[in-house]
Amino acid sequence: KFDDSVYKTSGGLHGVGSSVVNALSAYLDVQVARDGQ
């Protein structure tokens, strides 16, 4: 969100969404599908 060339507009403005959810969760599990992996 802090790099204008990546997101022209953004709802998650402050860039804290993912880290705050992580900090306030008993656990957080992430799976990323990218580049065939």
Full PDB file with SEQRES, HELIX, SHEET, SSBOND, CRYST1, ORIGX, SCALE, CONECT and MASTER records, all heavy atoms in Angstrom:
SEQRES   1 A   37  LYS PHE ASP ASP SER VAL TYR LYS THR SER GLY GLY LEU          
SEQRES   2 A   37  HIS GLY VAL GLY SER SER VAL VAL ASN ALA LEU SER ALA          
SEQRES   3 A   37  TYR LEU ASP VAL GLN VAL ALA ARG ASP GLY GLN                  
HELIX    1 AA1 GLY A   17  ALA A   23  1                                   7    
CRYST1    1.000    1.000    1.000  90.00  90.00  90.00 P 1           1          
ORIGX1      1.000000  0.000000  0.000000        0.00000                         
ORIGX2      0.000000  1.000000  0.000000        0.00000                         
ORIGX3      0.000000  0.000000  1.000000        0.00000                         
SCALE1      1.000000  0.000000  0.000000        0.00000                         
SCALE2      0.000000  1.000000  0.000000        0.00000                         
SCALE3      0.000000  0.000000  1.000000        0.00000                         
ATOM      1  N   LYS A   1       0.827  -1.210   0.000  1.00  0.00           N  
ATOM      2  CA  LYS A   1       0.000   0.000   0.000  1.00  0.00           C  
ATOM      3  C   LYS A   1       0.865   1.266   0.000  1.00  0.00           C  
ATOM      4  O   LYS A   1       0.403   2.343  -0.294  1.00  0.00           O  
ATOM      5  CB  LYS A   1      -0.912   0.039   1.235  1.00  0.00           C  
ATOM      6  CG  LYS A   1      -1.573  -1.278   1.568  1.00  0.00           C  
ATOM      7  CD  LYS A   1      -2.434  -1.807   0.440  1.00  0.00           C  
ATOM      8  CE  LYS A   1      -2.693  -3.301   0.586  1.00  0.00           C  
ATOM      9  NZ  LYS A   1      -3.358  -3.710   1.752  1.00  0.00           N  
ATOM     10  N   PHE A   2       2.159   1.125   0.362  1.00  0.00           N  
ATOM     11  CA  PHE A   2       3.027   2.292   0.445  1.00  0.00           C  
ATOM     12  C   PHE A   2       3.809   2.499  -0.855  1.00  0.00           C  
ATOM     13  O   PHE A   2       4.616   3.395  -0.953  1.00  0.00           O  
ATOM     14  CB  PHE A   2       3.982   2.156   1.631  1.00  0.00           C  
ATOM     15  CG  PHE A   2       3.253   2.075   2.929  1.00  0.00           C  
ATOM     16  CD1 PHE A   2       3.056   0.862   3.566  1.00  0.00           C  
ATOM     17  CD2 PHE A   2       2.704   3.211   3.506  1.00  0.00           C  
ATOM     18  CE1 PHE A   2       2.350   0.792   4.761  1.00  0.00           C  
ATOM     19  CE2 PHE A   2       2.007   3.139   4.700  1.00  0.00           C  
ATOM     20  CZ  PHE A   2       1.819   1.927   5.329  1.00  0.00           C  
ATOM     21  N   ASP A   3       3.559   1.643  -1.836  1.00  0.00           N  
ATOM     22  CA  ASP A   3       4.218   1.767  -3.136  1.00  0.00           C  
ATOM     23  C   ASP A   3       3.138   2.057  -4.167  1.00  0.00           C  
ATOM     24  O   ASP A   3       2.391   1.171  -4.562  1.00  0.00           O  
ATOM     25  CB  ASP A   3       4.949   0.444  -3.462  1.00  0.00           C  
ATOM     26  CG  ASP A   3       5.779   0.551  -4.729  1.00  0.00           C  
ATOM     27  OD1 ASP A   3       5.457   1.407  -5.572  1.00  0.00           O  
ATOM     28  OD2 ASP A   3       6.737  -0.240  -4.877  1.00  0.00           O  
ATOM     29  N   ASP A   4       3.030   3.323  -4.616  1.00  0.00           N  
ATOM     30  CA  ASP A   4       1.924   3.743  -5.474  1.00  0.00           C  
ATOM     31  C   ASP A   4       1.856   2.974  -6.781  1.00  0.00           C  
ATOM     32  O   ASP A   4       0.805   2.871  -7.397  1.00  0.00           O  
ATOM     33  CB  ASP A   4       2.031   5.250  -5.789  1.00  0.00           C  
ATOM     34  CG  ASP A   4       1.802   6.100  -4.539  1.00  0.00           C  
ATOM     35  OD1 ASP A   4       1.233   5.552  -3.575  1.00  0.00           O  
ATOM     36  OD2 ASP A   4       2.197   7.274  -4.544  1.00  0.00           O  
ATOM     37  N   SER A   5       2.997   2.440  -7.249  1.00  0.00           N  
ATOM     38  CA  SER A   5       2.974   1.743  -8.514  1.00  0.00           C  
ATOM     39  C   SER A   5       2.329   0.363  -8.393  1.00  0.00           C  
ATOM     40  O   SER A   5       1.935  -0.237  -9.376  1.00  0.00           O  
ATOM     41  CB  SER A   5       4.400   1.592  -9.056  1.00  0.00           C  
ATOM     42  OG  SER A   5       5.174   0.807  -8.177  1.00  0.00           O  
ATOM     43  N   VAL A   6       2.210  -0.156  -7.164  1.00  0.00           N  
ATOM     44  CA  VAL A   6       1.616  -1.482  -6.961  1.00  0.00           C  
ATOM     45  C   VAL A   6       0.101  -1.373  -6.804  1.00  0.00           C  
ATOM     46  O   VAL A   6      -0.658  -2.072  -7.468  1.00  0.00           O  
ATOM     47  CB  VAL A   6       2.232  -2.159  -5.715  1.00  0.00           C  
ATOM     48  CG1 VAL A   6       1.540  -3.495  -5.453  1.00  0.00           C  
ATOM     49  CG2 VAL A   6       3.716  -2.371  -5.925  1.00  0.00           C  
ATOM     50  N   TYR A   7      -0.351  -0.491  -5.929  1.00  0.00           N  
ATOM     51  CA  TYR A   7      -1.784  -0.293  -5.709  1.00  0.00           C  
ATOM     52  C   TYR A   7      -2.120   1.172  -5.935  1.00  0.00           C  
ATOM     53  O   TYR A   7      -1.704   2.034  -5.168  1.00  0.00           O  
ATOM     54  CB  TYR A   7      -2.184  -0.677  -4.283  1.00  0.00           C  
ATOM     55  CG  TYR A   7      -2.148  -2.149  -4.002  1.00  0.00           C  
ATOM     56  CD1 TYR A   7      -1.280  -2.673  -3.059  1.00  0.00           C  
ATOM     57  CD2 TYR A   7      -2.997  -3.024  -4.684  1.00  0.00           C  
ATOM     58  CE1 TYR A   7      -1.253  -4.038  -2.795  1.00  0.00           C  
ATOM     59  CE2 TYR A   7      -2.968  -4.394  -4.424  1.00  0.00           C  
ATOM     60  CZ  TYR A   7      -2.086  -4.886  -3.486  1.00  0.00           C  
ATOM     61  OH  TYR A   7      -2.069  -6.222  -3.231  1.00  0.00           O  
ATOM     62  N   LYS A   8      -2.884   1.465  -6.999  1.00  0.00           N  
ATOM     63  CA  LYS A   8      -3.293   2.847  -7.258  1.00  0.00           C  
ATOM     64  C   LYS A   8      -4.212   3.328  -6.143  1.00  0.00           C  
ATOM     65  O   LYS A   8      -4.112   4.436  -5.642  1.00  0.00           O  
ATOM     66  CB  LYS A   8      -3.997   2.937  -8.613  1.00  0.00           C  
ATOM     67  CG  LYS A   8      -4.321   4.376  -9.007  1.00  0.00           C  
ATOM     68  CD  LYS A   8      -5.045   4.416 -10.336  1.00  0.00           C  
ATOM     69  CE  LYS A   8      -5.453   5.853 -10.650  1.00  0.00           C  
ATOM     70  NZ  LYS A   8      -6.315   5.931 -11.833  1.00  0.00           N  
ATOM     71  N   THR A   9      -5.179   2.482  -5.752  1.00  0.00           N  
ATOM     72  CA  THR A   9      -6.041   2.792  -4.603  1.00  0.00           C  
ATOM     73  C   THR A   9      -6.086   1.579  -3.710  1.00  0.00           C  
ATOM     74  O   THR A   9      -5.931   0.453  -4.153  1.00  0.00           O  
ATOM     75  CB  THR A   9      -7.478   3.140  -5.035  1.00  0.00           C  
ATOM     76  OG1 THR A   9      -8.051   2.005  -5.692  1.00  0.00           O  
ATOM     77  CG2 THR A   9      -7.498   4.335  -5.962  1.00  0.00           C  
ATOM     78  N   SER A  10      -6.305   1.829  -2.435  1.00  0.00           N  
ATOM     79  CA  SER A  10      -6.288   0.737  -1.471  1.00  0.00           C  
ATOM     80  C   SER A  10      -7.251   1.012  -0.341  1.00  0.00           C  
ATOM     81  O   SER A  10      -7.347   2.136   0.139  1.00  0.00           O  
ATOM     82  CB  SER A  10      -4.865   0.577  -0.916  1.00  0.00           C  
ATOM     83  OG  SER A  10      -4.891  -0.195   0.253  1.00  0.00           O  
ATOM     84  N   GLY A  11      -7.991  -0.035   0.085  1.00  0.00           N  
ATOM     85  CA  GLY A  11      -8.864   0.097   1.246  1.00  0.00           C  
ATOM     86  C   GLY A  11      -8.081  -0.134   2.517  1.00  0.00           C  
ATOM     87  O   GLY A  11      -8.287   0.521   3.520  1.00  0.00           O  
ATOM     88  N   GLY A  12      -7.148  -1.095   2.482  1.00  0.00           N  
ATOM     89  CA  GLY A  12      -6.318  -1.381   3.653  1.00  0.00           C  
ATOM     90  C   GLY A  12      -5.203  -0.349   3.748  1.00  0.00           C  
ATOM     91  O   GLY A  12      -4.040  -0.680   3.631  1.00  0.00           O  
ATOM     92  N   LEU A  13      -5.598   0.908   3.946  1.00  0.00           N  
ATOM     93  CA  LEU A  13      -4.683   2.038   3.803  1.00  0.00           C  
ATOM     94  C   LEU A  13      -3.440   1.941   4.675  1.00  0.00           C  
ATOM     95  O   LEU A  13      -2.330   2.137   4.239  1.00  0.00           O  
ATOM     96  CB  LEU A  13      -5.416   3.348   4.141  1.00  0.00           C  
ATOM     97  CG  LEU A  13      -4.475   4.518   4.401  1.00  0.00           C  
ATOM     98  CD1 LEU A  13      -3.982   5.087   3.101  1.00  0.00           C  
ATOM     99  CD2 LEU A  13      -5.142   5.590   5.225  1.00  0.00           C  
ATOM    100  N   HIS A  14      -3.621   1.671   5.942  1.00  0.00           N  
ATOM    101  CA  HIS A  14      -2.520   1.872   6.881  1.00  0.00           C  
ATOM    102  C   HIS A  14      -1.462   0.766   6.838  1.00  0.00           C  
ATOM    103  O   HIS A  14      -0.460   0.853   7.510  1.00  0.00           O  
ATOM    104  CB  HIS A  14      -3.070   1.991   8.310  1.00  0.00           C  
ATOM    105  CG  HIS A  14      -3.911   3.202   8.520  1.00  0.00           C  
ATOM    106  ND1 HIS A  14      -5.196   3.282   8.047  1.00  0.00           N  
ATOM    107  CD2 HIS A  14      -3.644   4.388   9.128  1.00  0.00           C  
ATOM    108  CE1 HIS A  14      -5.694   4.466   8.380  1.00  0.00           C  
ATOM    109  NE2 HIS A  14      -4.773   5.147   9.027  1.00  0.00           N  
ATOM    110  N   GLY A  15      -1.709  -0.297   6.079  1.00  0.00           N  
ATOM    111  CA  GLY A  15      -0.718  -1.351   5.995  1.00  0.00           C  
ATOM    112  C   GLY A  15      -0.551  -2.119   7.277  1.00  0.00           C  
ATOM    113  O   GLY A  15       0.470  -2.752   7.513  1.00  0.00           O  
ATOM    114  N   VAL A  16      -1.528  -2.047   8.157  1.00  0.00           N  
ATOM    115  CA  VAL A  16      -1.400  -2.746   9.438  1.00  0.00           C  
ATOM    116  C   VAL A  16      -2.298  -3.979   9.494  1.00  0.00           C  
ATOM    117  O   VAL A  16      -2.213  -4.755  10.438  1.00  0.00           O  
ATOM    118  CB  VAL A  16      -1.734  -1.825  10.640  1.00  0.00           C  
ATOM    119  CG1 VAL A  16      -0.849  -0.613  10.643  1.00  0.00           C  
ATOM    120  CG2 VAL A  16      -3.185  -1.423  10.640  1.00  0.00           C  
ATOM    121  N   GLY A  17      -3.169  -4.169   8.502  1.00  0.00           N  
ATOM    122  CA  GLY A  17      -4.193  -5.210   8.579  1.00  0.00           C  
ATOM    123  C   GLY A  17      -3.653  -6.587   8.889  1.00  0.00           C  
ATOM    124  O   GLY A  17      -4.008  -7.204   9.897  1.00  0.00           O  
ATOM    125  N   SER A  18      -2.734  -7.078   8.047  1.00  0.00           N  
ATOM    126  CA  SER A  18      -2.235  -8.447   8.197  1.00  0.00           C  
ATOM    127  C   SER A  18      -1.485  -8.627   9.510  1.00  0.00           C  
ATOM    128  O   SER A  18      -1.684  -9.620  10.223  1.00  0.00           O  
ATOM    129  CB  SER A  18      -1.314  -8.798   7.019  1.00  0.00           C  
ATOM    130  OG  SER A  18      -2.008  -8.674   5.804  1.00  0.00           O  
ATOM    131  N   SER A  19      -0.610  -7.667   9.846  1.00  0.00           N  
ATOM    132  CA  SER A  19       0.199  -7.816  11.053  1.00  0.00           C  
ATOM    133  C   SER A  19      -0.651  -7.704  12.317  1.00  0.00           C  
ATOM    134  O   SER A  19      -0.393  -8.390  13.309  1.00  0.00           O  
ATOM    135  CB  SER A  19       1.325  -6.780  11.073  1.00  0.00           C  
ATOM    136  OG  SER A  19       0.805  -5.479  10.891  1.00  0.00           O  
ATOM    137  N   VAL A  20      -1.673  -6.830  12.288  1.00  0.00           N  
ATOM    138  CA  VAL A  20      -2.540  -6.681  13.466  1.00  0.00           C  
ATOM    139  C   VAL A  20      -3.377  -7.940  13.682  1.00  0.00           C  
ATOM    140  O   VAL A  20      -3.516  -8.424  14.811  1.00  0.00           O  
ATOM    141  CB  VAL A  20      -3.441  -5.434  13.325  1.00  0.00           C  
ATOM    142  CG1 VAL A  20      -4.567  -5.452  14.338  1.00  0.00           C  
ATOM    143  CG2 VAL A  20      -2.614  -4.177  13.500  1.00  0.00           C  
ATOM    144  N   VAL A  21      -3.938  -8.489  12.608  1.00  0.00           N  
ATOM    145  CA  VAL A  21      -4.709  -9.736  12.727  1.00  0.00           C  
ATOM    146  C   VAL A  21      -3.816 -10.830  13.280  1.00  0.00           C  
ATOM    147  O   VAL A  21      -4.212 -11.607  14.158  1.00  0.00           O  
ATOM    148  CB  VAL A  21      -5.316 -10.146  11.361  1.00  0.00           C  
ATOM    149  CG1 VAL A  21      -5.996 -11.508  11.475  1.00  0.00           C  
ATOM    150  CG2 VAL A  21      -6.317  -9.102  10.885  1.00  0.00           C  
ATOM    151  N   ASN A  22      -2.590 -10.885  12.803  1.00  0.00           N  
ATOM    152  CA  ASN A  22      -1.628 -11.877  13.286  1.00  0.00           C  
ATOM    153  C   ASN A  22      -1.357 -11.697  14.775  1.00  0.00           C  
ATOM    154  O   ASN A  22      -1.391 -12.652  15.561  1.00  0.00           O  
ATOM    155  CB  ASN A  22      -0.335 -11.759  12.482  1.00  0.00           C  
ATOM    156  CG  ASN A  22       0.657 -12.863  12.801  1.00  0.00           C  
ATOM    157  OD1 ASN A  22       0.288 -13.924  13.294  1.00  0.00           O  
ATOM    158  ND2 ASN A  22       1.919 -12.617  12.508  1.00  0.00           N  
ATOM    159  N   ALA A  23      -1.124 -10.453  15.190  1.00  0.00           N  
ATOM    160  CA  ALA A  23      -0.797 -10.166  16.591  1.00  0.00           C  
ATOM    161  C   ALA A  23      -1.946 -10.516  17.529  1.00  0.00           C  
ATOM    162  O   ALA A  23      -1.720 -10.875  18.684  1.00  0.00           O  
ATOM    163  CB  ALA A  23      -0.434  -8.695  16.747  1.00  0.00           C  
ATOM    164  N   LEU A  24      -3.199 -10.431  17.048  1.00  0.00           N  
ATOM    165  CA  LEU A  24      -4.373 -10.637  17.898  1.00  0.00           C  
ATOM    166  C   LEU A  24      -5.002 -12.016  17.724  1.00  0.00           C  
ATOM    167  O   LEU A  24      -6.119 -12.252  18.168  1.00  0.00           O  
ATOM    168  CB  LEU A  24      -5.411  -9.544  17.614  1.00  0.00           C  
ATOM    169  CG  LEU A  24      -4.923  -8.100  17.823  1.00  0.00           C  
ATOM    170  CD1 LEU A  24      -6.021  -7.107  17.484  1.00  0.00           C  
ATOM    171  CD2 LEU A  24      -4.436  -7.892  19.252  1.00  0.00           C  
ATOM    172  N   SER A  25      -4.271 -12.933  17.081  1.00  0.00           N  
ATOM    173  CA  SER A  25      -4.778 -14.293  16.863  1.00  0.00           C  
ATOM    174  C   SER A  25      -3.990 -15.302  17.681  1.00  0.00           C  
ATOM    175  O   SER A  25      -2.771 -15.170  17.836  1.00  0.00           O  
ATOM    176  CB  SER A  25      -4.674 -14.665  15.373  1.00  0.00           C  
ATOM    177  OG  SER A  25      -5.498 -13.825  14.593  1.00  0.00           O  
ATOM    178  N   ALA A  26      -4.710 -16.308  18.181  1.00  0.00           N  
ATOM    179  CA  ALA A  26      -4.035 -17.401  18.882  1.00  0.00           C  
ATOM    180  C   ALA A  26      -3.086 -18.112  17.918  1.00  0.00           C  
ATOM    181  O   ALA A  26      -1.979 -18.497  18.274  1.00  0.00           O  
ATOM    182  CB  ALA A  26      -5.056 -18.384  19.452  1.00  0.00           C  
ATOM    183  N   TYR A  27      -3.549 -18.284  16.673  1.00  0.00           N  
ATOM    184  CA  TYR A  27      -2.664 -18.743  15.604  1.00  0.00           C  
ATOM    185  C   TYR A  27      -3.127 -18.160  14.286  1.00  0.00           C  
ATOM    186  O   TYR A  27      -4.292 -17.783  14.128  1.00  0.00           O  
ATOM    187  CB  TYR A  27      -2.602 -20.271  15.515  1.00  0.00           C  
ATOM    188  CG  TYR A  27      -3.850 -20.919  14.948  1.00  0.00           C  
ATOM    189  CD1 TYR A  27      -4.097 -20.933  13.567  1.00  0.00           C  
ATOM    190  CD2 TYR A  27      -4.788 -21.529  15.779  1.00  0.00           C  
ATOM    191  CE1 TYR A  27      -5.242 -21.509  13.043  1.00  0.00           C  
ATOM    192  CE2 TYR A  27      -5.931 -22.108  15.260  1.00  0.00           C  
ATOM    193  CZ  TYR A  27      -6.150 -22.101  13.888  1.00  0.00           C  
ATOM    194  OH  TYR A  27      -7.285 -22.667  13.369  1.00  0.00           O  
ATOM    195  N   LEU A  28      -2.216 -18.045  13.345  1.00  0.00           N  
ATOM    196  CA  LEU A  28      -2.551 -17.607  11.992  1.00  0.00           C  
ATOM    197  C   LEU A  28      -1.725 -18.448  11.026  1.00  0.00           C  
ATOM    198  O   LEU A  28      -0.500 -18.562  11.171  1.00  0.00           O  
ATOM    199  CB  LEU A  28      -2.256 -16.118  11.812  1.00  0.00           C  
ATOM    200  CG  LEU A  28      -2.637 -15.513  10.451  1.00  0.00           C  
ATOM    201  CD1 LEU A  28      -3.210 -14.103  10.629  1.00  0.00           C  
ATOM    202  CD2 LEU A  28      -1.419 -15.447   9.524  1.00  0.00           C  
ATOM    203  N   ASP A  29      -2.416 -19.055  10.064  1.00  0.00           N  
ATOM    204  CA  ASP A  29      -1.792 -19.967   9.112  1.00  0.00           C  
ATOM    205  C   ASP A  29      -1.918 -19.372   7.706  1.00  0.00           C  
ATOM    206  O   ASP A  29      -3.005 -18.950   7.307  1.00  0.00           O  
ATOM    207  CB  ASP A  29      -2.493 -21.327   9.180  1.00  0.00           C  
ATOM    208  CG  ASP A  29      -1.641 -22.438   8.574  1.00  0.00           C  
ATOM    209  OD1 ASP A  29      -1.739 -22.629   7.334  1.00  0.00           O  
ATOM    210  OD2 ASP A  29      -0.892 -23.066   9.321  1.00  0.00           O  
ATOM    211  N   VAL A  30      -0.809 -19.319   6.969  1.00  0.00           N  
ATOM    212  CA  VAL A  30      -0.797 -18.700   5.639  1.00  0.00           C  
ATOM    213  C   VAL A  30      -0.336 -19.708   4.598  1.00  0.00           C  
ATOM    214  O   VAL A  30       0.661 -20.413   4.808  1.00  0.00           O  
ATOM    215  CB  VAL A  30       0.178 -17.494   5.590  1.00  0.00           C  
ATOM    216  CG1 VAL A  30       0.041 -16.759   4.257  1.00  0.00           C  
ATOM    217  CG2 VAL A  30      -0.053 -16.559   6.750  1.00  0.00           C  
ATOM    218  N   GLN A  31      -1.087 -19.776   3.488  1.00  0.00           N  
ATOM    219  CA  GLN A  31      -0.637 -20.524   2.317  1.00  0.00           C  
ATOM    220  C   GLN A  31      -0.683 -19.593   1.118  1.00  0.00           C  
ATOM    221  O   GLN A  31      -1.698 -18.948   0.873  1.00  0.00           O  
ATOM    222  CB  GLN A  31      -1.508 -21.758   2.068  1.00  0.00           C  
ATOM    223  CG  GLN A  31      -1.317 -22.847   3.100  1.00  0.00           C  
ATOM    224  CD  GLN A  31      -1.962 -24.161   2.696  1.00  0.00           C  
ATOM    225  OE1 GLN A  31      -2.182 -24.424   1.516  1.00  0.00           O  
ATOM    226  NE2 GLN A  31      -2.256 -24.992   3.692  1.00  0.00           N  
ATOM    227  N   VAL A  32       0.436 -19.518   0.389  1.00  0.00           N  
ATOM    228  CA  VAL A  32       0.538 -18.643  -0.777  1.00  0.00           C  
ATOM    229  C   VAL A  32       0.808 -19.490  -2.010  1.00  0.00           C  
ATOM    230  O   VAL A  32       1.798 -20.251  -2.046  1.00  0.00           O  
ATOM    231  CB  VAL A  32       1.673 -17.607  -0.601  1.00  0.00           C  
ATOM    232  CG1 VAL A  32       1.783 -16.738  -1.849  1.00  0.00           C  
ATOM    233  CG2 VAL A  32       1.423 -16.745   0.631  1.00  0.00           C  
ATOM    234  N   ALA A  33      -0.089 -19.393  -3.008  1.00  0.00           N  
ATOM    235  CA  ALA A  33       0.118 -20.075  -4.293  1.00  0.00           C  
ATOM    236  C   ALA A  33       0.674 -19.039  -5.265  1.00  0.00           C  
ATOM    237  O   ALA A  33       0.017 -18.047  -5.576  1.00  0.00           O  
ATOM    238  CB  ALA A  33      -1.195 -20.656  -4.804  1.00  0.00           C  
ATOM    239  N   ARG A  34       1.918 -19.312  -5.739  1.00  0.00           N  
ATOM    240  CA  ARG A  34       2.598 -18.320  -6.581  1.00  0.00           C  
ATOM    241  C   ARG A  34       3.762 -19.000  -7.309  1.00  0.00           C  
ATOM    242  O   ARG A  34       4.420 -19.867  -6.735  1.00  0.00           O  
ATOM    243  CB  ARG A  34       3.097 -17.180  -5.680  1.00  0.00           C  
ATOM    244  CG  ARG A  34       3.609 -15.963  -6.417  1.00  0.00           C  
ATOM    245  CD  ARG A  34       4.017 -14.885  -5.424  1.00  0.00           C  
ATOM    246  NE  ARG A  34       4.769 -13.855  -6.123  1.00  0.00           N  
ATOM    247  CZ  ARG A  34       4.355 -12.603  -6.294  1.00  0.00           C  
ATOM    248  NH1 ARG A  34       3.199 -12.216  -5.795  1.00  0.00           N  
ATOM    249  NH2 ARG A  34       5.088 -11.728  -6.945  1.00  0.00           N  
ATOM    250  N   ASP A  35       3.947 -18.626  -8.548  1.00  0.00           N  
ATOM    251  CA  ASP A  35       5.068 -19.153  -9.338  1.00  0.00           C  
ATOM    252  C   ASP A  35       5.064 -20.681  -9.408  1.00  0.00           C  
ATOM    253  O   ASP A  35       6.130 -21.328  -9.383  1.00  0.00           O  
ATOM    254  CB  ASP A  35       6.420 -18.674  -8.761  1.00  0.00           C  
ATOM    255  CG  ASP A  35       6.466 -17.157  -8.607  1.00  0.00           C  
ATOM    256  OD1 ASP A  35       5.911 -16.468  -9.487  1.00  0.00           O  
ATOM    257  OD2 ASP A  35       7.032 -16.670  -7.601  1.00  0.00           O  
ATOM    258  N   GLY A  36       3.845 -21.273  -9.422  1.00  0.00           N  
ATOM    259  CA  GLY A  36       3.735 -22.730  -9.556  1.00  0.00           C  
ATOM    260  C   GLY A  36       3.935 -23.497  -8.268  1.00  0.00           C  
ATOM    261  O   GLY A  36       3.817 -24.722  -8.235  1.00  0.00           O  
ATOM    262  N   GLN A  37       4.225 -22.803  -7.160  1.00  0.00           N  
ATOM    263  CA  GLN A  37       4.498 -23.456  -5.873  1.00  0.00           C  
ATOM    264  C   GLN A  37       3.468 -23.028  -4.831  1.00  0.00           C  
ATOM    265  O   GLN A  37       2.846 -21.967  -4.958  1.00  0.00           O  
ATOM    266  CB  GLN A  37       5.892 -23.053  -5.364  1.00  0.00           C  
ATOM    267  CG  GLN A  37       6.990 -23.117  -6.395  1.00  0.00           C  
ATOM    268  CD  GLN A  37       7.756 -24.426  -6.321  1.00  0.00           C  
ATOM    269  OE1 GLN A  37       7.141 -25.477  -6.184  1.00  0.00           O  
ATOM    270  NE2 GLN A  37       9.072 -24.355  -6.396  1.00  0.00           N  
TER     271      GLN A  37                                                      
MASTER        0    0    0    1    0    0    0    6  270    1    0    3          
END                                                                             
